[in-house]
Every structure is written in C-alpha cells, then in structure tokens.
Amino acid sequence: MFSNDYKYYNIDALSPYKVVTYLEKHGWNKVREAEDISVWIYDKHDSKFGMFVPTSDDFVDYRQRTIEVLETIQQVEDRSTFEICKEIQDIHLPS
C-alpha cells in the first residue's frame, strides 16, 4: 500500500475536467450528476467502489473531495497518488 503522497502535488492544478476524463479512461462509470457534483462507481472483481467527484472547482470543499477521489483511485489501482496526480495533470484539455 502506498502512502498518501498527494501532499507533494498541487491538488489545485487538477481540474474537474481532467479528473473526470481520467475516470472515464480507467473504467469508472458515472451514475448520477447533480449541481457541481457527480457520483462514480467502479466494479473490481467482487468489490464495488464509489465516490463523489466535484464537477466545478468552485465546489465548497473541492480540495477535500479531490483528495478523497485520489485516495479511492489509489485503493482501486494500487498506485501512488503522486503517479495518479501526474497522469491526471498530463491530460490535455480540448482546444
């Protein structure tokens, strides 16, 4: 298990668009969306993971929710949060 090394990464640099794009590319399924937040589910063998993902960086606790998203992805993928942050940050925005 990895430590939560996201504290060495600029969480504010992770836009909601990039986070959502990452989730879509890695097999997560959006099951619901409301104002400024969406619900995502991932089925892994006999386990199911779920999380709330802000869709706006103006969301009241955007930073905390993003940290929770990173920790959940880390648990599912068994990768460091730093690696996950780097991959999310490297996603290119559409022109």
C-alpha atoms as a PDB file:
ATOM      1  CA  MET A   1       0.000   0.000   0.000  1.00  0.00           C
ATOM      2  CA  PHE A   2       1.240   3.463  -0.851  1.00  0.00           C
ATOM      3  CA  SER A   3       1.300   6.454   1.441  1.00  0.00           C
ATOM      4  CA  ASN A   4      -0.813   9.450   0.578  1.00  0.00           C
ATOM      5  CA  ASP A   5       1.868  11.362  -1.264  1.00  0.00           C
ATOM      6  CA  TYR A   6      -0.576  13.782  -2.911  1.00  0.00           C
ATOM      7  CA  LYS A   7       0.567  16.353  -0.341  1.00  0.00           C
ATOM      8  CA  TYR A   8       3.651  16.742  -2.526  1.00  0.00           C
ATOM      9  CA  TYR A   9       1.488  17.600  -5.509  1.00  0.00           C
ATOM     10  CA  ASN A  10      -0.515  20.721  -6.310  1.00  0.00           C
ATOM     11  CA  ILE A  11      -4.086  19.446  -5.937  1.00  0.00           C
ATOM     12  CA  ASP A  12      -5.410  22.772  -7.223  1.00  0.00           C
ATOM     13  CA  ALA A  13      -3.753  22.038 -10.587  1.00  0.00           C
ATOM     14  CA  LEU A  14      -6.150  19.120 -11.136  1.00  0.00           C
ATOM     15  CA  SER A  15      -9.155  20.491 -12.961  1.00  0.00           C
ATOM     16  CA  PRO A  16     -12.541  18.765 -12.693  1.00  0.00           C
ATOM     17  CA  TYR A  17     -12.458  18.116 -16.455  1.00  0.00           C
ATOM     18  CA  LYS A  18      -9.133  16.293 -16.188  1.00  0.00           C
ATOM     19  CA  VAL A  19     -10.278  14.238 -13.196  1.00  0.00           C
ATOM     20  CA  VAL A  20     -13.464  13.168 -14.999  1.00  0.00           C
ATOM     21  CA  THR A  21     -11.508  12.367 -18.181  1.00  0.00           C
ATOM     22  CA  TYR A  22      -9.144  10.196 -16.136  1.00  0.00           C
ATOM     23  CA  LEU A  23     -12.052   8.315 -14.567  1.00  0.00           C
ATOM     24  CA  GLU A  24     -13.699   7.695 -17.941  1.00  0.00           C
ATOM     25  CA  LYS A  25     -10.423   6.337 -19.365  1.00  0.00           C
ATOM     26  CA  HIS A  26      -9.941   4.000 -16.409  1.00  0.00           C
ATOM     27  CA  GLY A  27     -13.313   2.256 -16.385  1.00  0.00           C
ATOM     28  CA  TRP A  28     -15.264   4.285 -13.841  1.00  0.00           C
ATOM     29  CA  ASN A  29     -18.981   4.811 -14.518  1.00  0.00           C
ATOM     30  CA  LYS A  30     -20.851   7.998 -13.748  1.00  0.00           C
ATOM     31  CA  VAL A  31     -24.193   7.002 -12.237  1.00  0.00           C
ATOM     32  CA  ARG A  32     -25.595  10.363 -11.241  1.00  0.00           C
ATOM     33  CA  GLU A  33     -24.901  14.067 -11.503  1.00  0.00           C
ATOM     34  CA  ALA A  34     -26.325  16.996  -9.588  1.00  0.00           C
ATOM     35  CA  GLU A  35     -25.280  20.600  -9.329  1.00  0.00           C
ATOM     36  CA  ASP A  36     -21.458  20.705  -9.083  1.00  0.00           C
ATOM     37  CA  ILE A  37     -21.046  17.024  -8.074  1.00  0.00           C
ATOM     38  CA  SER A  38     -21.223  13.613  -9.712  1.00  0.00           C
ATOM     39  CA  VAL A  39     -21.317  10.059  -8.374  1.00  0.00           C
ATOM     40  CA  TRP A  40     -18.942   7.467  -9.831  1.00  0.00           C
ATOM     41  CA  ILE A  41     -18.823   3.678  -9.377  1.00  0.00           C
ATOM     42  CA  TYR A  42     -16.100   1.152 -10.172  1.00  0.00           C
ATOM     43  CA  ASP A  43     -16.617  -2.616 -10.111  1.00  0.00           C
ATOM     44  CA  LYS A  44     -13.439  -4.568  -9.382  1.00  0.00           C
ATOM     45  CA  HIS A  45     -13.930  -8.310  -9.142  1.00  0.00           C
ATOM     46  CA  ASP A  46     -16.098  -8.803  -6.042  1.00  0.00           C
ATOM     47  CA  SER A  47     -15.683  -5.239  -4.785  1.00  0.00           C
ATOM     48  CA  LYS A  48     -17.538  -2.073  -5.678  1.00  0.00           C
ATOM     49  CA  PHE A  49     -16.069   1.381  -5.086  1.00  0.00           C
ATOM     50  CA  GLY A  50     -17.961   4.659  -5.148  1.00  0.00           C
ATOM     51  CA  MET A  51     -17.100   8.304  -4.774  1.00  0.00           C
ATOM     52  CA  PHE A  52     -18.389  11.837  -5.145  1.00  0.00           C
ATOM     53  CA  VAL A  53     -16.494  13.887  -7.715  1.00  0.00           C
ATOM     54  CA  PRO A  54     -16.828  17.682  -7.897  1.00  0.00           C
ATOM     55  CA  THR A  55     -17.605  18.955 -11.388  1.00  0.00           C
ATOM     56  CA  SER A  56     -16.622  22.519 -10.556  1.00  0.00           C
ATOM     57  CA  ASP A  57     -13.518  23.822  -8.823  1.00  0.00           C
ATOM     58  CA  ASP A  58     -15.834  26.330  -7.118  1.00  0.00           C
ATOM     59  CA  PHE A  59     -17.383  23.437  -5.163  1.00  0.00           C
ATOM     60  CA  VAL A  60     -17.410  24.275  -1.456  1.00  0.00           C
ATOM     61  CA  ASP A  61     -14.889  21.596  -0.432  1.00  0.00           C
ATOM     62  CA  TYR A  62     -13.296  20.912  -3.818  1.00  0.00           C
ATOM     63  CA  ARG A  63      -9.823  20.274  -2.426  1.00  0.00           C
ATOM     64  CA  GLN A  64     -11.009  17.796   0.228  1.00  0.00           C
ATOM     65  CA  ARG A  65     -13.258  15.936  -2.230  1.00  0.00           C
ATOM     66  CA  THR A  66     -10.406  15.734  -4.738  1.00  0.00           C
ATOM     67  CA  ILE A  67      -8.143  14.253  -2.069  1.00  0.00           C
ATOM     68  CA  GLU A  68     -10.838  11.648  -1.323  1.00  0.00           C
ATOM     69  CA  VAL A  69     -11.080  10.883  -5.061  1.00  0.00           C
ATOM     70  CA  LEU A  70      -7.304  10.365  -5.251  1.00  0.00           C
ATOM     71  CA  GLU A  71      -7.326   8.089  -2.201  1.00  0.00           C
ATOM     72  CA  THR A  72     -10.124   5.978  -3.689  1.00  0.00           C
ATOM     73  CA  ILE A  73      -8.336   5.700  -7.049  1.00  0.00           C
ATOM     74  CA  GLN A  74      -5.167   4.740  -5.177  1.00  0.00           C
ATOM     75  CA  GLN A  75      -7.039   1.950  -3.395  1.00  0.00           C
ATOM     76  CA  VAL A  76      -8.557   0.633  -6.644  1.00  0.00           C
ATOM     77  CA  GLU A  77      -5.411   0.859  -8.784  1.00  0.00           C
ATOM     78  CA  ASP A  78      -2.790   0.171  -6.111  1.00  0.00           C
ATOM     79  CA  ARG A  79      -0.680   3.072  -7.383  1.00  0.00           C
ATOM     80  CA  SER A  80       0.741   6.102  -5.601  1.00  0.00           C
ATOM     81  CA  THR A  81      -1.389   9.210  -5.508  1.00  0.00           C
ATOM     82  CA  PHE A  82       1.580  11.135  -6.880  1.00  0.00           C
ATOM     83  CA  GLU A  83       1.590   8.945 -10.026  1.00  0.00           C
ATOM     84  CA  ILE A  84      -2.168   9.364 -10.345  1.00  0.00           C
ATOM     85  CA  CYS A  85      -1.907  13.158  -9.937  1.00  0.00           C
ATOM     86  CA  LYS A  86       0.818  13.307 -12.567  1.00  0.00           C
ATOM     87  CA  GLU A  87      -1.249  11.284 -15.038  1.00  0.00           C
ATOM     88  CA  ILE A  88      -4.310  13.469 -14.432  1.00  0.00           C
ATOM     89  CA  GLN A  89      -2.272  16.651 -14.832  1.00  0.00           C
ATOM     90  CA  ASP A  90      -0.819  15.382 -18.121  1.00  0.00           C
ATOM     91  CA  ILE A  91      -4.297  15.084 -19.695  1.00  0.00           C
ATOM     92  CA  HIS A  92      -4.606  17.721 -22.399  1.00  0.00           C
ATOM     93  CA  LEU A  93      -7.621  19.986 -22.460  1.00  0.00           C
ATOM     94  CA  PRO A  94      -9.522  20.176 -25.752  1.00  0.00           C
ATOM     95  CA  SER A  95      -8.600  23.133 -27.928  1.00  0.00           C
END
